[in-house]
């Protein structure tokens, strides 16, 4: 995917806020607020970075009382990505803002008041940061785990976003493994800045001390070699597989030669009754390939 090189927010000439690096390894705060104006509302997620906030405006729920699309449910959230816009840097006071805002003031309209409602708050850890991608690990009361904000090609139905070729979307992925440990990241030779792991503390703990490249300040090709070793080790120990990452196996050449357990076939059969689930969704539930799902759906007459 191409990177949109025009992403400039904040002071003129400054880099994008998604590239702001926390100065030290400690807990940083986040807040998720519903911002209500008249009959309509949207979500604001704000992330503390050093002495300011970065964040996104999420086009969700739209109307007051409509169920949220941006949820802690990864299976739902990953299928219903939420259009969002990158915010300019903001003062830390916005972390705690709640209640009614008078007309004419920041957050309200000229004639209508606004209301802020805190839906969740807590701490977060920063993951991978790119101009077109931001990964965070939330530890809130409701929202927990890995969430991503990514620029994707704009579809025609998103006229609200204008005619720019790429727009931001937010969701909680089914795959909760840090991006830095993915085959995609390694194939792209991505390495985080010196001294940073781009993982949360839970995943850092899974890495043996002798392979913690970020603590040794290794970077470039040296860090990439270690990352490959870490991924290979975690796959071998089924640690990645246990966190919803499919093991790296070759795709079968023929659909009829795909062995599955009775338990997996049962999951495929039950899940296939839900018309909202795609083969990839069912494959994640049954921990098998998409080809396996299609084959067994045909075999039992459900395709």
Protein backbone atom coordinates (compact mmCIF):
# COMPACT_ATOMS: atom_id res chain seq x y z
CA UNK A 1 0.00 0.00 0.00
CA UNK A 2 1.25 3.49 -0.78
CA UNK A 3 1.93 5.90 2.05
CA UNK A 4 0.21 9.24 1.84
CA UNK A 5 3.15 11.68 2.15
CA UNK A 6 0.89 14.66 2.77
CA UNK A 7 0.00 13.80 6.37
CA UNK A 8 0.94 16.99 8.19
CA UNK A 9 -0.93 18.01 11.32
CA UNK A 10 -0.20 20.43 14.11
CA UNK A 11 2.23 23.31 13.67
CA UNK A 12 3.20 24.19 10.15
CA UNK A 13 6.03 22.01 8.91
CA UNK A 14 5.93 19.65 11.89
CA UNK A 15 5.69 15.92 11.54
CA UNK A 16 2.43 14.03 12.02
CA UNK A 17 1.29 13.60 15.66
CA UNK A 18 1.19 9.81 15.17
CA UNK A 19 4.99 9.95 15.07
CA UNK A 20 5.27 11.57 18.51
CA UNK A 21 7.40 9.32 20.73
CA UNK A 22 6.85 9.06 24.49
CA UNK A 23 10.04 10.19 26.22
CA UNK A 24 10.28 7.38 28.73
CA UNK A 25 8.83 3.96 29.38
CA UNK A 26 5.98 4.56 31.80
CA UNK A 27 2.21 4.43 31.85
CA UNK A 28 0.46 7.07 29.78
CA UNK A 29 -3.22 7.95 30.07
CA UNK A 30 -5.99 7.68 27.49
CA UNK A 31 -9.65 8.67 27.43
CA UNK A 32 -12.57 7.77 25.15
CA UNK A 33 -15.30 10.41 25.13
CA UNK A 34 -18.65 10.73 23.42
CA UNK A 35 -18.96 14.25 22.03
CA UNK A 36 -22.62 15.22 21.66
CA UNK A 37 -23.97 18.16 19.66
CA UNK A 38 -27.70 18.33 19.09
CA UNK A 39 -29.03 14.94 17.89
CA UNK A 40 -25.65 13.79 16.68
CA UNK A 41 -22.53 12.54 18.39
CA UNK A 42 -19.11 11.11 17.68
CA UNK A 43 -16.27 9.63 19.68
CA UNK A 44 -12.99 11.27 20.61
CA UNK A 45 -10.05 9.13 21.68
CA UNK A 46 -7.17 11.05 23.25
CA UNK A 47 -3.74 9.65 24.06
CA UNK A 48 -1.25 11.29 26.38
CA UNK A 49 2.24 11.73 24.88
CA UNK A 50 4.70 13.62 27.07
CA UNK A 51 3.19 17.06 27.70
CA UNK A 52 0.37 16.98 25.16
CA UNK A 53 -2.31 14.72 23.66
CA UNK A 54 -2.70 13.11 20.27
CA UNK A 55 -5.82 11.35 19.09
CA UNK A 56 -8.61 10.77 16.61
CA UNK A 57 -12.21 11.82 16.02
CA UNK A 58 -14.27 8.71 15.24
CA UNK A 59 -17.40 8.99 13.09
CA UNK A 60 -19.36 6.84 15.51
CA UNK A 61 -22.16 6.44 16.65
CA UNK A 62 -23.62 9.19 14.41
CA UNK A 63 -26.91 9.67 16.26
CA UNK A 64 -27.30 9.70 20.02
CA UNK A 65 -28.29 6.29 21.32
CA UNK A 66 -27.15 4.35 18.25
CA UNK A 67 -25.01 1.29 19.19
CA UNK A 68 -21.30 1.89 18.86
CA UNK A 69 -19.31 0.31 16.05
CA UNK A 70 -15.96 0.95 17.77
CA UNK A 71 -16.10 -1.82 20.36
CA UNK A 72 -13.87 -3.96 22.52
CA UNK A 73 -15.24 -6.95 20.58
CA UNK A 74 -12.50 -7.79 18.06
CA UNK A 75 -14.65 -10.06 15.88
CA UNK A 76 -17.23 -7.29 15.42
CA UNK A 77 -14.81 -4.36 15.33
CA UNK A 78 -12.50 -5.87 12.71
CA UNK A 79 -15.43 -6.31 10.30
CA UNK A 80 -16.87 -2.84 10.91
CA UNK A 81 -13.94 -0.44 10.80
CA UNK A 82 -14.77 3.13 11.85
CA UNK A 83 -13.87 6.12 9.70
CA UNK A 84 -11.88 8.65 11.72
CA UNK A 85 -9.81 11.81 11.44
CA UNK A 86 -6.45 12.57 13.00
CA UNK A 87 -6.56 15.34 15.61
CA UNK A 88 -4.07 18.14 16.05
CA UNK A 89 -1.99 18.07 19.23
CA UNK A 90 -4.04 19.15 22.25
CA UNK A 91 -3.41 20.18 25.87
CA UNK A 92 -3.57 17.45 28.54
CA UNK A 93 -6.58 19.11 30.18
CA UNK A 94 -8.78 17.46 27.54
CA UNK A 95 -8.15 14.10 29.21
CA UNK A 96 -10.69 14.87 31.93
CA UNK A 97 -13.18 17.10 30.16
CA UNK A 98 -16.78 16.06 30.87
CA UNK A 99 -20.16 17.75 31.08
CA UNK A 100 -21.79 20.59 29.13
CA UNK A 101 -19.93 23.18 27.05
CA UNK A 102 -21.60 26.53 26.41
CA UNK A 103 -22.39 27.67 22.83
CA UNK A 104 -19.50 29.43 21.14
CA UNK A 105 -16.81 27.67 23.16
CA UNK A 106 -14.38 25.00 21.98
CA UNK A 107 -16.27 21.76 21.34
CA UNK A 108 -19.67 23.45 20.91
CA UNK A 109 -21.23 25.20 17.94
CA UNK A 110 -21.96 28.90 17.65
CA UNK A 111 -25.58 28.44 18.73
CA UNK A 112 -25.76 25.00 20.34
CA UNK A 113 -24.12 23.68 23.51
CA UNK A 114 -22.10 20.46 23.48
CA UNK A 115 -21.78 17.66 25.98
CA UNK A 116 -18.84 15.40 26.70
CA UNK A 117 -19.37 12.00 28.28
CA UNK A 118 -16.40 9.85 29.32
CA UNK A 119 -17.07 6.30 28.14
CA UNK A 120 -13.75 4.83 29.26
CA UNK A 121 -10.34 5.82 30.54
CA UNK A 122 -7.17 4.21 31.77
CA UNK A 123 -3.60 3.76 30.62
CA UNK A 124 -2.07 2.62 27.35
CA UNK A 125 1.24 1.52 25.88
CA UNK A 126 2.46 2.60 22.47
CA UNK A 127 3.12 0.03 19.76
CA UNK A 128 4.26 0.60 16.19
CA UNK A 129 4.16 4.14 14.83
CA UNK A 130 4.21 4.97 11.13
CA UNK A 131 2.91 7.90 9.11
CA UNK A 132 -0.04 5.77 8.00
CA UNK A 133 -0.36 3.45 11.00
CA UNK A 134 -0.65 3.75 14.78
CA UNK A 135 -0.91 0.81 17.20
CA UNK A 136 -1.82 1.17 20.88
CA UNK A 137 -2.44 -1.28 23.71
CA UNK A 138 -5.26 -0.02 25.93
CA UNK A 139 -5.80 -0.90 29.58
CA UNK A 140 -9.13 0.70 30.35
CA UNK A 141 -12.17 -0.41 32.31
CA UNK A 142 -13.93 -1.52 29.12
CA UNK A 143 -11.47 -1.21 26.26
CA UNK A 144 -8.53 -3.56 26.65
CA UNK A 145 -5.94 -4.91 24.24
CA UNK A 146 -4.54 -3.98 20.86
CA UNK A 147 -6.24 -1.30 18.75
CA UNK A 148 -5.04 0.11 15.46
CA UNK A 149 -5.55 3.29 13.47
CA UNK A 150 -4.60 2.87 9.83
CA UNK A 151 -4.85 4.74 6.56
CA UNK A 152 -6.67 2.73 3.92
CA UNK A 153 -7.83 3.55 0.38
CA UNK A 154 -10.99 5.66 0.46
CA UNK A 155 -14.11 3.93 -0.80
CA UNK A 156 -16.76 5.92 -2.76
CA UNK A 157 -19.30 5.65 0.07
CA UNK A 158 -17.08 7.74 2.32
CA UNK A 159 -17.89 11.05 0.66
CA UNK A 160 -17.69 12.71 4.06
CA UNK A 161 -13.93 12.16 4.01
CA UNK A 162 -13.55 14.21 0.84
CA UNK A 163 -11.76 13.07 -2.30
CA UNK A 164 -8.40 12.31 -0.72
CA UNK A 165 -7.11 8.86 -1.76
CA UNK A 166 -6.43 7.55 1.76
CA UNK A 167 -8.46 7.93 4.96
CA UNK A 168 -8.00 6.80 8.55
CA UNK A 169 -9.92 3.89 10.06
CA UNK A 170 -9.97 2.54 13.63
CA UNK A 171 -10.69 -0.97 14.91
CA UNK A 172 -9.68 -3.74 17.31
CA UNK A 173 -8.05 -6.54 15.28
CA UNK A 174 -8.78 -10.21 15.86
CA UNK A 175 -5.02 -10.74 15.77
CA UNK A 176 -3.81 -9.24 19.05
CA UNK A 177 -0.12 -9.88 18.36
CA UNK A 178 2.00 -6.71 18.14
CA UNK A 179 2.66 -5.65 14.56
CA UNK A 180 6.41 -5.79 15.15
CA UNK A 181 6.17 -9.61 15.49
CA UNK A 182 4.10 -10.14 12.35
CA UNK A 183 5.47 -11.67 9.16
CA UNK A 184 4.30 -8.52 7.33
CA UNK A 185 6.48 -6.32 9.54
CA UNK A 186 9.53 -8.55 9.16
CA UNK A 187 9.07 -8.89 5.39
CA UNK A 188 9.01 -5.09 5.18
CA UNK A 189 12.20 -4.98 7.32
CA UNK A 190 10.49 -2.67 9.79
CA UNK A 191 12.49 -1.87 12.94
CA UNK A 192 11.26 0.58 15.61
CA UNK A 193 13.40 3.51 16.78
CA UNK A 194 16.46 2.75 18.87
CA UNK A 195 15.66 1.64 22.42
CA UNK A 196 11.97 0.88 21.70
CA UNK A 197 10.30 -2.51 21.41
CA UNK A 198 6.96 -1.39 19.84
CA UNK A 199 5.31 -3.97 22.13
CA UNK A 200 3.38 -3.72 25.37
CA UNK A 201 4.90 -5.04 28.60
CA UNK A 202 2.95 -8.33 28.45
CA UNK A 203 4.55 -9.22 25.13
CA UNK A 204 7.97 -7.96 26.19
CA UNK A 205 7.84 -10.49 29.03
CA UNK A 206 7.50 -13.32 26.50
CA UNK A 207 10.90 -12.46 24.99
CA UNK A 208 14.00 -14.02 26.62
CA UNK A 209 16.41 -11.49 28.11
CA UNK A 210 19.16 -12.37 25.64
CA UNK A 211 16.84 -11.45 22.73
CA UNK A 212 15.59 -8.11 24.09
CA UNK A 213 17.26 -6.06 21.37
CA UNK A 214 15.68 -2.78 22.50
CA UNK A 215 17.43 -2.97 25.88
CA UNK A 216 20.75 -3.45 24.08
CA UNK A 217 20.01 -0.47 21.81
CA UNK A 218 20.43 -2.61 18.70
CA UNK A 219 18.93 -1.25 15.52
CA UNK A 220 18.82 -1.79 11.77
CA UNK A 221 19.75 -5.19 10.33
CA UNK A 222 21.05 -6.43 13.68
CA UNK A 223 17.67 -5.84 15.35
CA UNK A 224 15.86 -7.37 12.36
CA UNK A 225 17.83 -10.61 12.69
CA UNK A 226 16.79 -10.83 16.35
CA UNK A 227 13.15 -10.12 15.46
CA UNK A 228 13.17 -13.03 13.03
CA UNK A 229 14.57 -15.29 15.76
CA UNK A 230 11.93 -14.12 18.24
CA UNK A 231 9.08 -14.79 15.81
CA UNK A 232 10.47 -18.24 14.95
CA UNK A 233 10.81 -19.07 18.66
CA UNK A 234 7.28 -17.89 19.56
CA UNK A 235 5.76 -19.82 16.66
CA UNK A 236 7.63 -22.96 17.69
CA UNK A 237 6.34 -22.59 21.25
CA UNK A 238 2.80 -21.97 19.96
CA UNK A 239 2.74 -18.62 21.75
CA UNK A 240 1.72 -16.73 18.63
CA UNK A 241 -0.78 -19.44 17.70
CA UNK A 242 -2.35 -19.12 21.15
CA UNK A 243 -2.95 -15.42 20.54
CA UNK A 244 -5.09 -15.89 17.42
CA UNK A 245 -2.19 -15.90 14.98
CA UNK A 246 -2.37 -18.78 12.53
CA UNK A 247 0.73 -20.94 12.42
CA UNK A 248 2.82 -20.54 9.32
CA UNK A 249 1.91 -23.57 7.23
CA UNK A 250 1.89 -24.00 3.49
CA UNK A 251 -1.50 -23.70 1.85
CA UNK A 252 -2.78 -27.05 0.57
CA UNK A 253 -2.78 -27.44 -3.19
CA UNK A 254 -6.11 -29.28 -3.26
CA UNK A 255 -9.13 -28.55 -1.10
CA UNK A 256 -10.06 -32.23 -0.71
CA UNK A 257 -6.80 -32.97 1.14
CA UNK A 258 -7.41 -30.87 4.27
CA UNK A 259 -7.66 -32.92 7.48
CA UNK A 260 -9.75 -31.39 10.29
CA UNK A 261 -10.77 -32.61 13.71
CA UNK A 262 -14.40 -33.33 14.60
CA UNK A 263 -14.31 -30.28 16.89
CA UNK A 264 -13.21 -28.00 14.03
CA UNK A 265 -15.87 -29.43 11.72
CA UNK A 266 -18.48 -28.78 14.42
CA UNK A 267 -17.38 -25.16 14.77
CA UNK A 268 -17.52 -24.68 10.99
CA UNK A 269 -21.00 -26.23 10.81
CA UNK A 270 -22.43 -24.10 13.64
CA UNK A 271 -20.74 -20.90 12.52
CA UNK A 272 -21.87 -21.33 8.91
CA UNK A 273 -25.46 -20.83 10.08
CA UNK A 274 -24.58 -17.21 10.89
CA UNK A 275 -24.86 -15.43 7.54
CA UNK A 276 -22.90 -12.46 8.91
CA UNK A 277 -19.72 -14.51 9.24
CA UNK A 278 -17.31 -14.76 6.32
CA UNK A 279 -15.08 -17.81 5.68
CA UNK A 280 -12.11 -15.92 7.14
CA UNK A 281 -14.09 -15.24 10.35
CA UNK A 282 -15.05 -18.90 10.66
CA UNK A 283 -11.45 -19.94 9.94
CA UNK A 284 -10.28 -17.83 12.90
CA UNK A 285 -12.86 -19.47 15.16
CA UNK A 286 -12.00 -22.99 14.03
CA UNK A 287 -8.25 -22.28 13.84
CA UNK A 288 -7.92 -23.55 10.31
CA UNK A 289 -7.46 -22.18 6.80
CA UNK A 290 -10.14 -20.38 4.80
CA UNK A 291 -9.81 -23.14 2.19
CA UNK A 292 -10.71 -25.72 4.85
CA UNK A 293 -13.88 -23.82 5.72
CA UNK A 294 -14.96 -23.58 2.06
CA UNK A 295 -14.24 -27.27 1.48
CA UNK A 296 -16.30 -28.45 4.47
CA UNK A 297 -19.13 -26.05 3.74
CA UNK A 298 -19.39 -27.64 0.30
CA UNK A 299 -19.08 -31.14 1.75
CA UNK A 300 -22.02 -30.65 4.15
CA UNK A 301 -24.14 -28.82 1.58
CA UNK A 302 -23.91 -25.32 3.06
CA UNK A 303 -22.26 -23.72 0.04
